[in-house]
Amino acid sequence: MPTFAARASVPSPEEHILTAQEALEPLFLALEEEAEVKMIAAAVKAGWRVEDAVSAIDELRRTELLPRNRRH
């Protein structure tokens, strides 16, 4: 069964969309939500609490957004 995100279409510039980012944003958000739901479900199935899974996902996002430690 295809997911919502898999069936979503991206509007073309002719549909009064100003940027590619604007066109992709709904799909991006749908994929992000779908991935989070799947990760939480997998963690719960493995025996973790929902709160632990959500905290872990939040921490992964924080570390992904931080600049990498670079050697100068």
PDB file of N, CA and C in Angstrom:
ATOM      1  N   MET A   1       0.833  -1.173   0.000  1.00  0.00           N
ATOM      2  CA  MET A   1       0.000   0.000   0.000  1.00  0.00           C
ATOM      3  C   MET A   1       0.884   1.243   0.000  1.00  0.00           C
ATOM      4  N   PRO A   2       0.784   2.076  -1.026  1.00  0.00           N
ATOM      5  CA  PRO A   2       1.602   3.287  -1.079  1.00  0.00           C
ATOM      6  C   PRO A   2       1.198   4.257   0.025  1.00  0.00           C
ATOM      7  N   THR A   3       2.167   4.966   0.532  1.00  0.00           N
ATOM      8  CA  THR A   3       1.903   5.954   1.568  1.00  0.00           C
ATOM      9  C   THR A   3       1.482   7.269   0.922  1.00  0.00           C
ATOM     10  N   PHE A   4       0.972   8.171   1.738  1.00  0.00           N
ATOM     11  CA  PHE A   4       0.587   9.479   1.219  1.00  0.00           C
ATOM     12  C   PHE A   4       1.748  10.141   0.510  1.00  0.00           C
ATOM     13  N   ALA A   5       2.898  10.130   1.148  1.00  0.00           N
ATOM     14  CA  ALA A   5       4.067  10.806   0.593  1.00  0.00           C
ATOM     15  C   ALA A   5       4.457  10.205  -0.752  1.00  0.00           C
ATOM     16  N   ALA A   6       4.318   8.890  -0.883  1.00  0.00           N
ATOM     17  CA  ALA A   6       4.684   8.240  -2.146  1.00  0.00           C
ATOM     18  C   ALA A   6       3.732   8.636  -3.270  1.00  0.00           C
ATOM     19  N   ARG A   7       2.496   8.966  -2.915  1.00  0.00           N
ATOM     20  CA  ARG A   7       1.507   9.337  -3.933  1.00  0.00           C
ATOM     21  C   ARG A   7       1.451  10.841  -4.189  1.00  0.00           C
ATOM     22  N   ALA A   8       2.105  11.623  -3.343  1.00  0.00           N
ATOM     23  CA  ALA A   8       2.040  13.075  -3.465  1.00  0.00           C
ATOM     24  C   ALA A   8       2.731  13.534  -4.738  1.00  0.00           C
ATOM     25  N   SER A   9       2.151  14.537  -5.352  1.00  0.00           N
ATOM     26  CA  SER A   9       2.790  15.098  -6.542  1.00  0.00           C
ATOM     27  C   SER A   9       3.345  16.473  -6.203  1.00  0.00           C
ATOM     28  N   VAL A  10       4.337  16.868  -6.938  1.00  0.00           N
ATOM     29  CA  VAL A  10       4.978  18.163  -6.743  1.00  0.00           C
ATOM     30  C   VAL A  10       4.434  19.099  -7.806  1.00  0.00           C
ATOM     31  N   PRO A  11       3.921  20.258  -7.405  1.00  0.00           N
ATOM     32  CA  PRO A  11       3.376  21.192  -8.395  1.00  0.00           C
ATOM     33  C   PRO A  11       4.458  21.746  -9.318  1.00  0.00           C
ATOM     34  N   SER A  12       4.060  22.086 -10.508  1.00  0.00           N
ATOM     35  CA  SER A  12       4.990  22.650 -11.491  1.00  0.00           C
ATOM     36  C   SER A  12       5.033  24.170 -11.351  1.00  0.00           C
ATOM     37  N   PRO A  13       6.035  24.805 -11.956  1.00  0.00           N
ATOM     38  CA  PRO A  13       6.109  26.269 -11.914  1.00  0.00           C
ATOM     39  C   PRO A  13       4.881  26.935 -12.539  1.00  0.00           C
ATOM     40  N   GLU A  14       4.240  26.239 -13.467  1.00  0.00           N
ATOM     41  CA  GLU A  14       3.049  26.805 -14.112  1.00  0.00           C
ATOM     42  C   GLU A  14       1.857  26.906 -13.162  1.00  0.00           C
ATOM     43  N   GLU A  15       1.956  26.258 -12.013  1.00  0.00           N
ATOM     44  CA  GLU A  15       0.862  26.285 -11.041  1.00  0.00           C
ATOM     45  C   GLU A  15       1.040  27.421 -10.031  1.00  0.00           C
ATOM     46  N   HIS A  16       1.705  28.476 -10.466  1.00  0.00           N
ATOM     47  CA  HIS A  16       1.922  29.676  -9.656  1.00  0.00           C
ATOM     48  C   HIS A  16       2.758  29.411  -8.407  1.00  0.00           C
ATOM     49  N   ILE A  17       3.670  28.470  -8.503  1.00  0.00           N
ATOM     50  CA  ILE A  17       4.616  28.193  -7.428  1.00  0.00           C
ATOM     51  C   ILE A  17       5.869  28.994  -7.748  1.00  0.00           C
ATOM     52  N   LEU A  18       6.375  29.726  -6.775  1.00  0.00           N
ATOM     53  CA  LEU A  18       7.485  30.635  -7.025  1.00  0.00           C
ATOM     54  C   LEU A  18       8.859  29.972  -6.966  1.00  0.00           C
ATOM     55  N   THR A  19       9.010  28.963  -6.088  1.00  0.00           N
ATOM     56  CA  THR A  19      10.320  28.341  -5.943  1.00  0.00           C
ATOM     57  C   THR A  19      10.170  26.820  -5.864  1.00  0.00           C
ATOM     58  N   ALA A  20      11.247  26.124  -6.163  1.00  0.00           N
ATOM     59  CA  ALA A  20      11.248  24.668  -6.025  1.00  0.00           C
ATOM     60  C   ALA A  20      11.049  24.298  -4.557  1.00  0.00           C
ATOM     61  N   GLN A  21      11.619  25.084  -3.651  1.00  0.00           N
ATOM     62  CA  GLN A  21      11.447  24.812  -2.225  1.00  0.00           C
ATOM     63  C   GLN A  21       9.968  24.855  -1.846  1.00  0.00           C
ATOM     64  N   GLU A  22       9.254  25.855  -2.334  1.00  0.00           N
ATOM     65  CA  GLU A  22       7.823  25.975  -2.066  1.00  0.00           C
ATOM     66  C   GLU A  22       7.074  24.769  -2.630  1.00  0.00           C
ATOM     67  N   ALA A  23       7.472  24.300  -3.783  1.00  0.00           N
ATOM     68  CA  ALA A  23       6.821  23.148  -4.410  1.00  0.00           C
ATOM     69  C   ALA A  23       7.087  21.866  -3.634  1.00  0.00           C
ATOM     70  N   LEU A  24       8.288  21.731  -3.087  1.00  0.00           N
ATOM     71  CA  LEU A  24       8.679  20.498  -2.407  1.00  0.00           C
ATOM     72  C   LEU A  24       8.309  20.453  -0.923  1.00  0.00           C
ATOM     73  N   GLU A  25       8.008  21.594  -0.343  1.00  0.00           N
ATOM     74  CA  GLU A  25       7.766  21.645   1.095  1.00  0.00           C
ATOM     75  C   GLU A  25       6.674  20.683   1.571  1.00  0.00           C
ATOM     76  N   PRO A  26       5.501  20.610   0.953  1.00  0.00           N
ATOM     77  CA  PRO A  26       4.488  19.655   1.434  1.00  0.00           C
ATOM     78  C   PRO A  26       4.966  18.204   1.383  1.00  0.00           C
ATOM     79  N   LEU A  27       5.673  17.837   0.338  1.00  0.00           N
ATOM     80  CA  LEU A  27       6.198  16.482   0.237  1.00  0.00           C
ATOM     81  C   LEU A  27       7.259  16.242   1.303  1.00  0.00           C
ATOM     82  N   PHE A  28       8.143  17.202   1.504  1.00  0.00           N
ATOM     83  CA  PHE A  28       9.182  17.096   2.526  1.00  0.00           C
ATOM     84  C   PHE A  28       8.566  16.871   3.903  1.00  0.00           C
ATOM     85  N   LEU A  29       7.555  17.669   4.242  1.00  0.00           N
ATOM     86  CA  LEU A  29       6.917  17.549   5.547  1.00  0.00           C
ATOM     87  C   LEU A  29       6.199  16.208   5.692  1.00  0.00           C
ATOM     88  N   ALA A  30       5.550  15.758   4.625  1.00  0.00           N
ATOM     89  CA  ALA A  30       4.858  14.463   4.666  1.00  0.00           C
ATOM     90  C   ALA A  30       5.849  13.321   4.849  1.00  0.00           C
ATOM     91  N   LEU A  31       6.971  13.373   4.153  1.00  0.00           N
ATOM     92  CA  LEU A  31       7.992  12.329   4.302  1.00  0.00           C
ATOM     93  C   LEU A  31       8.600  12.349   5.703  1.00  0.00           C
ATOM     94  N   GLU A  32       8.839  13.545   6.224  1.00  0.00           N
ATOM     95  CA  GLU A  32       9.397  13.662   7.568  1.00  0.00           C
ATOM     96  C   GLU A  32       8.436  13.072   8.604  1.00  0.00           C
ATOM     97  N   GLU A  33       7.154  13.378   8.463  1.00  0.00           N
ATOM     98  CA  GLU A  33       6.153  12.849   9.392  1.00  0.00           C
ATOM     99  C   GLU A  33       6.047  11.330   9.265  1.00  0.00           C
ATOM    100  N   GLU A  34       6.037  10.846   8.041  1.00  0.00           N
ATOM    101  CA  GLU A  34       5.955   9.406   7.794  1.00  0.00           C
ATOM    102  C   GLU A  34       7.156   8.674   8.399  1.00  0.00           C
ATOM    103  N   ALA A  35       8.339   9.243   8.235  1.00  0.00           N
ATOM    104  CA  ALA A  35       9.545   8.628   8.788  1.00  0.00           C
ATOM    105  C   ALA A  35       9.484   8.604  10.316  1.00  0.00           C
ATOM    106  N   GLU A  36       9.014   9.688  10.923  1.00  0.00           N
ATOM    107  CA  GLU A  36       8.932   9.741  12.379  1.00  0.00           C
ATOM    108  C   GLU A  36       7.946   8.700  12.906  1.00  0.00           C
ATOM    109  N   VAL A  37       6.803   8.575  12.268  1.00  0.00           N
ATOM    110  CA  VAL A  37       5.809   7.582  12.688  1.00  0.00           C
ATOM    111  C   VAL A  37       6.398   6.175  12.598  1.00  0.00           C
ATOM    112  N   LYS A  38       7.116   5.890  11.514  1.00  0.00           N
ATOM    113  CA  LYS A  38       7.721   4.561  11.351  1.00  0.00           C
ATOM    114  C   LYS A  38       8.806   4.303  12.391  1.00  0.00           C
ATOM    115  N   MET A  39       9.610   5.313  12.696  1.00  0.00           N
ATOM    116  CA  MET A  39      10.657   5.143  13.699  1.00  0.00           C
ATOM    117  C   MET A  39      10.059   4.899  15.077  1.00  0.00           C
ATOM    118  N   ILE A  40       9.025   5.650  15.427  1.00  0.00           N
ATOM    119  CA  ILE A  40       8.381   5.464  16.725  1.00  0.00           C
ATOM    120  C   ILE A  40       7.748   4.080  16.800  1.00  0.00           C
ATOM    121  N   ALA A  41       7.072   3.671  15.743  1.00  0.00           N
ATOM    122  CA  ALA A  41       6.454   2.344  15.726  1.00  0.00           C
ATOM    123  C   ALA A  41       7.505   1.247  15.886  1.00  0.00           C
ATOM    124  N   ALA A  42       8.628   1.391  15.219  1.00  0.00           N
ATOM    125  CA  ALA A  42       9.701   0.394  15.322  1.00  0.00           C
ATOM    126  C   ALA A  42      10.262   0.347  16.740  1.00  0.00           C
ATOM    127  N   ALA A  43      10.443   1.506  17.352  1.00  0.00           N
ATOM    128  CA  ALA A  43      10.972   1.551  18.714  1.00  0.00           C
ATOM    129  C   ALA A  43       9.986   0.927  19.701  1.00  0.00           C
ATOM    130  N   VAL A  44       8.712   1.236  19.562  1.00  0.00           N
ATOM    131  CA  VAL A  44       7.694   0.672  20.449  1.00  0.00           C
ATOM    132  C   VAL A  44       7.623  -0.845  20.261  1.00  0.00           C
ATOM    133  N   LYS A  45       7.690  -1.298  19.028  1.00  0.00           N
ATOM    134  CA  LYS A  45       7.661  -2.741  18.756  1.00  0.00           C
ATOM    135  C   LYS A  45       8.859  -3.441  19.404  1.00  0.00           C
ATOM    136  N   ALA A  46       9.984  -2.742  19.481  1.00  0.00           N
ATOM    137  CA  ALA A  46      11.193  -3.304  20.085  1.00  0.00           C
ATOM    138  C   ALA A  46      11.169  -3.213  21.613  1.00  0.00           C
ATOM    139  N   GLY A  47      10.145  -2.554  22.160  1.00  0.00           N
ATOM    140  CA  GLY A  47      10.020  -2.494  23.612  1.00  0.00           C
ATOM    141  C   GLY A  47      10.318  -1.156  24.250  1.00  0.00           C
ATOM    142  N   TRP A  48      10.649  -0.149  23.453  1.00  0.00           N
ATOM    143  CA  TRP A  48      10.922   1.181  23.993  1.00  0.00           C
ATOM    144  C   TRP A  48       9.609   1.917  24.222  1.00  0.00           C
ATOM    145  N   ARG A  49       9.642   2.861  25.159  1.00  0.00           N
ATOM    146  CA  ARG A  49       8.475   3.716  25.395  1.00  0.00           C
ATOM    147  C   ARG A  49       8.405   4.773  24.291  1.00  0.00           C
ATOM    148  N   VAL A  50       7.190   5.226  23.988  1.00  0.00           N
ATOM    149  CA  VAL A  50       6.992   6.266  22.974  1.00  0.00           C
ATOM    150  C   VAL A  50       7.808   7.503  23.332  1.00  0.00           C
ATOM    151  N   GLU A  51       7.785   7.885  24.603  1.00  0.00           N
ATOM    152  CA  GLU A  51       8.502   9.087  25.038  1.00  0.00           C
ATOM    153  C   GLU A  51      10.000   8.959  24.776  1.00  0.00           C
ATOM    154  N   ASP A  52      10.548   7.750  24.994  1.00  0.00           N
ATOM    155  CA  ASP A  52      11.972   7.529  24.727  1.00  0.00           C
ATOM    156  C   ASP A  52      12.273   7.655  23.236  1.00  0.00           C
ATOM    157  N   ALA A  53      11.397   7.118  22.421  1.00  0.00           N
ATOM    158  CA  ALA A  53      11.594   7.188  20.967  1.00  0.00           C
ATOM    159  C   ALA A  53      11.540   8.636  20.485  1.00  0.00           C
ATOM    160  N   VAL A  54      10.567   9.387  20.964  1.00  0.00           N
ATOM    161  CA  VAL A  54      10.436  10.793  20.562  1.00  0.00           C
ATOM    162  C   VAL A  54      11.662  11.586  21.017  1.00  0.00           C
ATOM    163  N   SER A  55      12.115  11.348  22.232  1.00  0.00           N
ATOM    164  CA  SER A  55      13.321  12.038  22.724  1.00  0.00           C
ATOM    165  C   SER A  55      14.542  11.694  21.870  1.00  0.00           C
ATOM    166  N   ALA A  56      14.666  10.424  21.504  1.00  0.00           N
ATOM    167  CA  ALA A  56      15.799  10.007  20.676  1.00  0.00           C
ATOM    168  C   ALA A  56      15.745  10.673  19.303  1.00  0.00           C
ATOM    169  N   ILE A  57      14.575  10.749  18.717  1.00  0.00           N
ATOM    170  CA  ILE A  57      14.425  11.396  17.408  1.00  0.00           C
ATOM    171  C   ILE A  57      14.771  12.885  17.516  1.00  0.00           C
ATOM    172  N   ASP A  58      14.283  13.528  18.577  1.00  0.00           N
ATOM    173  CA  ASP A  58      14.608  14.945  18.784  1.00  0.00           C
ATOM    174  C   ASP A  58      16.113  15.150  18.915  1.00  0.00           C
ATOM    175  N   GLU A  59      16.770  14.262  19.657  1.00  0.00           N
ATOM    176  CA  GLU A  59      18.218  14.380  19.834  1.00  0.00           C
ATOM    177  C   GLU A  59      18.949  14.149  18.511  1.00  0.00           C
ATOM    178  N   LEU A  60      18.486  13.188  17.735  1.00  0.00           N
ATOM    179  CA  LEU A  60      19.087  12.958  16.414  1.00  0.00           C
ATOM    180  C   LEU A  60      18.955  14.192  15.532  1.00  0.00           C
ATOM    181  N   ARG A  61      17.809  14.836  15.572  1.00  0.00           N
ATOM    182  CA  ARG A  61      17.613  16.063  14.782  1.00  0.00           C
ATOM    183  C   ARG A  61      18.559  17.169  15.251  1.00  0.00           C
ATOM    184  N   ARG A  62      18.663  17.321  16.568  1.00  0.00           N
ATOM    185  CA  ARG A  62      19.553  18.366  17.097  1.00  0.00           C
ATOM    186  C   ARG A  62      20.990  18.137  16.661  1.00  0.00           C
ATOM    187  N   THR A  63      21.459  16.905  16.779  1.00  0.00           N
ATOM    188  CA  THR A  63      22.853  16.638  16.417  1.00  0.00           C
ATOM    189  C   THR A  63      23.064  16.725  14.915  1.00  0.00           C
ATOM    190  N   GLU A  64      22.048  16.431  14.143  1.00  0.00           N
ATOM    191  CA  GLU A  64      22.157  16.534  12.686  1.00  0.00           C
ATOM    192  C   GLU A  64      22.233  17.992  12.249  1.00  0.00           C
ATOM    193  N   LEU A  65      21.591  18.880  12.989  1.00  0.00           N
ATOM    194  CA  LEU A  65      21.564  20.299  12.625  1.00  0.00           C
ATOM    195  C   LEU A  65      22.780  21.063  13.116  1.00  0.00           C
ATOM    196  N   LEU A  66      23.486  20.502  14.099  1.00  0.00           N
ATOM    197  CA  LEU A  66      24.663  21.193  14.620  1.00  0.00           C
ATOM    198  C   LEU A  66      25.825  21.071  13.643  1.00  0.00           C
ATOM    199  N   PRO A  67      26.653  22.096  13.562  1.00  0.00           N
ATOM    200  CA  PRO A  67      27.838  21.979  12.706  1.00  0.00           C
ATOM    201  C   PRO A  67      28.748  20.875  13.220  1.00  0.00           C
ATOM    202  N   ARG A  68      29.369  20.182  12.313  1.00  0.00           N
ATOM    203  CA  ARG A  68      30.285  19.101  12.678  1.00  0.00           C
ATOM    204  C   ARG A  68      31.532  19.710  13.317  1.00  0.00           C
ATOM    205  N   ASN A  69      32.099  18.977  14.264  1.00  0.00           N
ATOM    206  CA  ASN A  69      33.376  19.416  14.839  1.00  0.00           C
ATOM    207  C   ASN A  69      34.426  19.350  13.752  1.00  0.00           C
ATOM    208  N   ARG A  70      35.027  20.477  13.485  1.00  0.00           N
ATOM    209  CA  ARG A  70      36.049  20.535  12.424  1.00  0.00           C
ATOM    210  C   ARG A  70      37.397  20.838  13.036  1.00  0.00           C
ATOM    211  N   ARG A  71      38.405  20.172  12.541  1.00  0.00           N
ATOM    212  CA  ARG A  71      39.764  20.477  12.975  1.00  0.00           C
ATOM    213  C   ARG A  71      40.298  21.619  12.148  1.00  0.00           C
ATOM    214  N   HIS A  72      40.920  22.558  12.805  1.00  0.00           N
ATOM    215  CA  HIS A  72      41.484  23.715  12.100  1.00  0.00           C
ATOM    216  C   HIS A  72      42.965  23.568  11.932  1.00  0.00           C
TER     217      HIS A  72
END
